[in-house]
PDB file of N, CA and C in Angstrom:
ATOM      1  N   MET A   1      -5.436   5.001 -27.143  1.00  0.00           N
ATOM      2  CA  MET A   1      -4.242   4.915 -26.332  1.00  0.00           C
ATOM      3  C   MET A   1      -4.327   3.661 -25.463  1.00  0.00           C
ATOM      4  N   THR A   2      -3.381   2.768 -25.611  1.00  0.00           N
ATOM      5  CA  THR A   2      -3.392   1.537 -24.830  1.00  0.00           C
ATOM      6  C   THR A   2      -2.412   1.655 -23.674  1.00  0.00           C
ATOM      7  N   PRO A   3      -2.802   1.130 -22.510  1.00  0.00           N
ATOM      8  CA  PRO A   3      -1.870   1.183 -21.372  1.00  0.00           C
ATOM      9  C   PRO A   3      -0.696   0.244 -21.593  1.00  0.00           C
ATOM     10  N   THR A   4       0.469   0.673 -21.185  1.00  0.00           N
ATOM     11  CA  THR A   4       1.657  -0.176 -21.299  1.00  0.00           C
ATOM     12  C   THR A   4       2.034  -0.670 -19.911  1.00  0.00           C
ATOM     13  N   PRO A   5       2.477  -1.909 -19.805  1.00  0.00           N
ATOM     14  CA  PRO A   5       2.882  -2.421 -18.492  1.00  0.00           C
ATOM     15  C   PRO A   5       4.119  -1.685 -17.986  1.00  0.00           C
ATOM     16  N   ASN A   6       4.242  -1.605 -16.686  1.00  0.00           N
ATOM     17  CA  ASN A   6       5.404  -0.955 -16.090  1.00  0.00           C
ATOM     18  C   ASN A   6       6.665  -1.739 -16.403  1.00  0.00           C
ATOM     19  N   SER A   7       7.785  -1.055 -16.401  1.00  0.00           N
ATOM     20  CA  SER A   7       9.053  -1.715 -16.683  1.00  0.00           C
ATOM     21  C   SER A   7       9.415  -2.658 -15.539  1.00  0.00           C
ATOM     22  N   ARG A   8      10.300  -3.573 -15.812  1.00  0.00           N
ATOM     23  CA  ARG A   8      10.699  -4.575 -14.829  1.00  0.00           C
ATOM     24  C   ARG A   8      11.259  -3.953 -13.545  1.00  0.00           C
ATOM     25  N   PRO A   9      12.137  -2.939 -13.630  1.00  0.00           N
ATOM     26  CA  PRO A   9      12.634  -2.338 -12.385  1.00  0.00           C
ATOM     27  C   PRO A   9      11.520  -1.716 -11.536  1.00  0.00           C
ATOM     28  N   GLU A  10      10.498  -1.157 -12.185  1.00  0.00           N
ATOM     29  CA  GLU A  10       9.382  -0.590 -11.431  1.00  0.00           C
ATOM     30  C   GLU A  10       8.610  -1.684 -10.696  1.00  0.00           C
ATOM     31  N   VAL A  11       8.398  -2.804 -11.346  1.00  0.00           N
ATOM     32  CA  VAL A  11       7.673  -3.908 -10.724  1.00  0.00           C
ATOM     33  C   VAL A  11       8.469  -4.461  -9.542  1.00  0.00           C
ATOM     34  N   VAL A  12       9.774  -4.586  -9.712  1.00  0.00           N
ATOM     35  CA  VAL A  12      10.621  -5.078  -8.621  1.00  0.00           C
ATOM     36  C   VAL A  12      10.581  -4.102  -7.449  1.00  0.00           C
ATOM     37  N   SER A  13      10.613  -2.822  -7.751  1.00  0.00           N
ATOM     38  CA  SER A  13      10.534  -1.803  -6.705  1.00  0.00           C
ATOM     39  C   SER A  13       9.188  -1.864  -5.983  1.00  0.00           C
ATOM     40  N   GLN A  14       8.113  -2.008  -6.729  1.00  0.00           N
ATOM     41  CA  GLN A  14       6.774  -2.125  -6.128  1.00  0.00           C
ATOM     42  C   GLN A  14       6.693  -3.361  -5.245  1.00  0.00           C
ATOM     43  N   LEU A  15       7.254  -4.461  -5.702  1.00  0.00           N
ATOM     44  CA  LEU A  15       7.222  -5.693  -4.925  1.00  0.00           C
ATOM     45  C   LEU A  15       8.021  -5.544  -3.633  1.00  0.00           C
ATOM     46  N   ALA A  16       9.158  -4.880  -3.704  1.00  0.00           N
ATOM     47  CA  ALA A  16       9.973  -4.671  -2.503  1.00  0.00           C
ATOM     48  C   ALA A  16       9.233  -3.821  -1.474  1.00  0.00           C
ATOM     49  N   VAL A  17       8.586  -2.759  -1.929  1.00  0.00           N
ATOM     50  CA  VAL A  17       7.842  -1.892  -1.009  1.00  0.00           C
ATOM     51  C   VAL A  17       6.656  -2.650  -0.413  1.00  0.00           C
ATOM     52  N   ALA A  18       5.964  -3.425  -1.230  1.00  0.00           N
ATOM     53  CA  ALA A  18       4.827  -4.199  -0.733  1.00  0.00           C
ATOM     54  C   ALA A  18       5.273  -5.242   0.292  1.00  0.00           C
ATOM     55  N   CYS A  19       6.416  -5.884   0.055  1.00  0.00           N
ATOM     56  CA  CYS A  19       6.936  -6.868   1.009  1.00  0.00           C
ATOM     57  C   CYS A  19       7.330  -6.213   2.326  1.00  0.00           C
ATOM     58  N   LEU A  20       7.921  -5.034   2.248  1.00  0.00           N
ATOM     59  CA  LEU A  20       8.287  -4.329   3.477  1.00  0.00           C
ATOM     60  C   LEU A  20       7.046  -3.980   4.293  1.00  0.00           C
ATOM     61  N   GLY A  21       6.024  -3.486   3.619  1.00  0.00           N
ATOM     62  CA  GLY A  21       4.790  -3.136   4.321  1.00  0.00           C
ATOM     63  C   GLY A  21       4.121  -4.351   4.942  1.00  0.00           C
ATOM     64  N   ALA A  22       4.049  -5.434   4.190  1.00  0.00           N
ATOM     65  CA  ALA A  22       3.434  -6.647   4.715  1.00  0.00           C
ATOM     66  C   ALA A  22       4.316  -7.283   5.777  1.00  0.00           C
ATOM     67  N   GLY A  23       5.623  -7.101   5.677  1.00  0.00           N
ATOM     68  CA  GLY A  23       6.550  -7.677   6.648  1.00  0.00           C
ATOM     69  C   GLY A  23       6.383  -7.098   8.041  1.00  0.00           C
ATOM     70  N   VAL A  24       5.968  -5.846   8.114  1.00  0.00           N
ATOM     71  CA  VAL A  24       5.733  -5.232   9.423  1.00  0.00           C
ATOM     72  C   VAL A  24       4.607  -5.960  10.142  1.00  0.00           C
ATOM     73  N   VAL A  25       3.525  -6.203   9.445  1.00  0.00           N
ATOM     74  CA  VAL A  25       2.397  -6.916  10.036  1.00  0.00           C
ATOM     75  C   VAL A  25       2.791  -8.349  10.362  1.00  0.00           C
ATOM     76  N   THR A  26       3.596  -8.977   9.504  1.00  0.00           N
ATOM     77  CA  THR A  26       4.057 -10.339   9.736  1.00  0.00           C
ATOM     78  C   THR A  26       4.886 -10.421  11.011  1.00  0.00           C
ATOM     79  N   THR A  27       5.740  -9.437  11.230  1.00  0.00           N
ATOM     80  CA  THR A  27       6.565  -9.414  12.433  1.00  0.00           C
ATOM     81  C   THR A  27       5.709  -9.376  13.687  1.00  0.00           C
ATOM     82  N   VAL A  28       4.673  -8.568  13.669  1.00  0.00           N
ATOM     83  CA  VAL A  28       3.764  -8.485  14.815  1.00  0.00           C
ATOM     84  C   VAL A  28       3.044  -9.817  15.016  1.00  0.00           C
ATOM     85  N   ALA A  29       2.606 -10.435  13.928  1.00  0.00           N
ATOM     86  CA  ALA A  29       1.887 -11.708  14.035  1.00  0.00           C
ATOM     87  C   ALA A  29       2.783 -12.804  14.595  1.00  0.00           C
ATOM     88  N   VAL A  30       4.030 -12.869  14.141  1.00  0.00           N
ATOM     89  CA  VAL A  30       4.958 -13.889  14.641  1.00  0.00           C
ATOM     90  C   VAL A  30       5.271 -13.619  16.113  1.00  0.00           C
ATOM     91  N   ALA A  31       5.395 -12.356  16.482  1.00  0.00           N
ATOM     92  CA  ALA A  31       5.660 -12.007  17.877  1.00  0.00           C
ATOM     93  C   ALA A  31       4.521 -12.448  18.789  1.00  0.00           C
ATOM     94  N   GLN A  32       3.309 -12.532  18.229  1.00  0.00           N
ATOM     95  CA  GLN A  32       2.157 -12.951  19.024  1.00  0.00           C
ATOM     96  C   GLN A  32       1.915 -14.453  18.943  1.00  0.00           C
ATOM     97  N   GLY A  33       2.803 -15.185  18.259  1.00  0.00           N
ATOM     98  CA  GLY A  33       2.730 -16.633  18.289  1.00  0.00           C
ATOM     99  C   GLY A  33       2.303 -17.320  17.010  1.00  0.00           C
ATOM    100  N   GLN A  34       2.129 -16.600  15.918  1.00  0.00           N
ATOM    101  CA  GLN A  34       1.747 -17.247  14.663  1.00  0.00           C
ATOM    102  C   GLN A  34       2.928 -18.010  14.092  1.00  0.00           C
ATOM    103  N   ASN A  35       2.630 -19.088  13.391  1.00  0.00           N
ATOM    104  CA  ASN A  35       3.653 -19.891  12.729  1.00  0.00           C
ATOM    105  C   ASN A  35       4.397 -19.009  11.710  1.00  0.00           C
ATOM    106  N   PRO A  36       5.732 -18.953  11.778  1.00  0.00           N
ATOM    107  CA  PRO A  36       6.485 -18.098  10.843  1.00  0.00           C
ATOM    108  C   PRO A  36       6.278 -18.451   9.372  1.00  0.00           C
ATOM    109  N   LEU A  37       6.130 -19.726   9.048  1.00  0.00           N
ATOM    110  CA  LEU A  37       5.911 -20.106   7.646  1.00  0.00           C
ATOM    111  C   LEU A  37       4.559 -19.626   7.143  1.00  0.00           C
ATOM    112  N   THR A  38       3.555 -19.712   7.986  1.00  0.00           N
ATOM    113  CA  THR A  38       2.231 -19.209   7.614  1.00  0.00           C
ATOM    114  C   THR A  38       2.295 -17.704   7.409  1.00  0.00           C
ATOM    115  N   ALA A  39       2.968 -17.015   8.317  1.00  0.00           N
ATOM    116  CA  ALA A  39       3.091 -15.560   8.208  1.00  0.00           C
ATOM    117  C   ALA A  39       3.846 -15.168   6.940  1.00  0.00           C
ATOM    118  N   LEU A  40       4.901 -15.909   6.599  1.00  0.00           N
ATOM    119  CA  LEU A  40       5.663 -15.621   5.390  1.00  0.00           C
ATOM    120  C   LEU A  40       4.813 -15.835   4.137  1.00  0.00           C
ATOM    121  N   GLY A  41       4.024 -16.892   4.138  1.00  0.00           N
ATOM    122  CA  GLY A  41       3.121 -17.149   3.010  1.00  0.00           C
ATOM    123  C   GLY A  41       2.109 -16.034   2.828  1.00  0.00           C
ATOM    124  N   ILE A  42       1.555 -15.555   3.922  1.00  0.00           N
ATOM    125  CA  ILE A  42       0.599 -14.457   3.854  1.00  0.00           C
ATOM    126  C   ILE A  42       1.286 -13.195   3.344  1.00  0.00           C
ATOM    127  N   THR A  43       2.510 -12.959   3.792  1.00  0.00           N
ATOM    128  CA  THR A  43       3.265 -11.785   3.343  1.00  0.00           C
ATOM    129  C   THR A  43       3.517 -11.825   1.838  1.00  0.00           C
ATOM    130  N   LEU A  44       3.976 -12.956   1.348  1.00  0.00           N
ATOM    131  CA  LEU A  44       4.250 -13.078  -0.084  1.00  0.00           C
ATOM    132  C   LEU A  44       2.988 -12.937  -0.911  1.00  0.00           C
ATOM    133  N   PHE A  45       1.905 -13.565  -0.457  1.00  0.00           N
ATOM    134  CA  PHE A  45       0.639 -13.469  -1.184  1.00  0.00           C
ATOM    135  C   PHE A  45       0.163 -12.025  -1.249  1.00  0.00           C
ATOM    136  N   SER A  46       0.201 -11.329  -0.113  1.00  0.00           N
ATOM    137  CA  SER A  46      -0.301  -9.955  -0.099  1.00  0.00           C
ATOM    138  C   SER A  46       0.582  -9.032  -0.927  1.00  0.00           C
ATOM    139  N   ALA A  47       1.879  -9.264  -0.931  1.00  0.00           N
ATOM    140  CA  ALA A  47       2.780  -8.430  -1.742  1.00  0.00           C
ATOM    141  C   ALA A  47       2.519  -8.633  -3.232  1.00  0.00           C
ATOM    142  N   VAL A  48       2.379  -9.863  -3.640  1.00  0.00           N
ATOM    143  CA  VAL A  48       2.105 -10.143  -5.056  1.00  0.00           C
ATOM    144  C   VAL A  48       0.741  -9.584  -5.448  1.00  0.00           C
ATOM    145  N   ALA A  49      -0.244  -9.743  -4.588  1.00  0.00           N
ATOM    146  CA  ALA A  49      -1.581  -9.209  -4.874  1.00  0.00           C
ATOM    147  C   ALA A  49      -1.539  -7.689  -5.006  1.00  0.00           C
ATOM    148  N   ALA A  50      -0.770  -7.024  -4.142  1.00  0.00           N
ATOM    149  CA  ALA A  50      -0.665  -5.565  -4.205  1.00  0.00           C
ATOM    150  C   ALA A  50      -0.038  -5.116  -5.522  1.00  0.00           C
ATOM    151  N   VAL A  51       0.985  -5.809  -5.974  1.00  0.00           N
ATOM    152  CA  VAL A  51       1.624  -5.456  -7.241  1.00  0.00           C
ATOM    153  C   VAL A  51       0.677  -5.712  -8.407  1.00  0.00           C
ATOM    154  N   MET A  52      -0.053  -6.812  -8.372  1.00  0.00           N
ATOM    155  CA  MET A  52      -1.010  -7.107  -9.435  1.00  0.00           C
ATOM    156  C   MET A  52      -2.093  -6.040  -9.523  1.00  0.00           C
ATOM    157  N   VAL A  53      -2.607  -5.618  -8.383  1.00  0.00           N
ATOM    158  CA  VAL A  53      -3.619  -4.564  -8.375  1.00  0.00           C
ATOM    159  C   VAL A  53      -3.008  -3.258  -8.888  1.00  0.00           C
ATOM    160  N   GLY A  54      -1.779  -2.967  -8.461  1.00  0.00           N
ATOM    161  CA  GLY A  54      -1.102  -1.770  -8.935  1.00  0.00           C
ATOM    162  C   GLY A  54      -0.902  -1.762 -10.441  1.00  0.00           C
ATOM    163  N   GLN A  55      -0.645  -2.933 -11.028  1.00  0.00           N
ATOM    164  CA  GLN A  55      -0.477  -3.030 -12.474  1.00  0.00           C
ATOM    165  C   GLN A  55      -1.799  -2.870 -13.198  1.00  0.00           C
ATOM    166  N   ALA A  56      -2.884  -3.306 -12.572  1.00  0.00           N
ATOM    167  CA  ALA A  56      -4.197  -3.247 -13.206  1.00  0.00           C
ATOM    168  C   ALA A  56      -4.782  -1.838 -13.183  1.00  0.00           C
ATOM    169  N   ILE A  57      -4.372  -1.050 -12.211  1.00  0.00           N
ATOM    170  CA  ILE A  57      -4.947   0.298 -12.092  1.00  0.00           C
ATOM    171  C   ILE A  57      -4.257   1.249 -13.026  1.00  0.00           C
TER     172      ILE A  57
END
């Protein structure tokens, strides 16, 4: 039995949830003075990494 990749809508849904979760931390970081572009980059990286790990498991 070979694993099949999740469908495109599932991946988009996972990415949206991961971005929302990372966005909360980003909001706190920006409120404390972090550069918004740096915070956005960290948010996108962590969301993509979370989806990749979710696909691998």
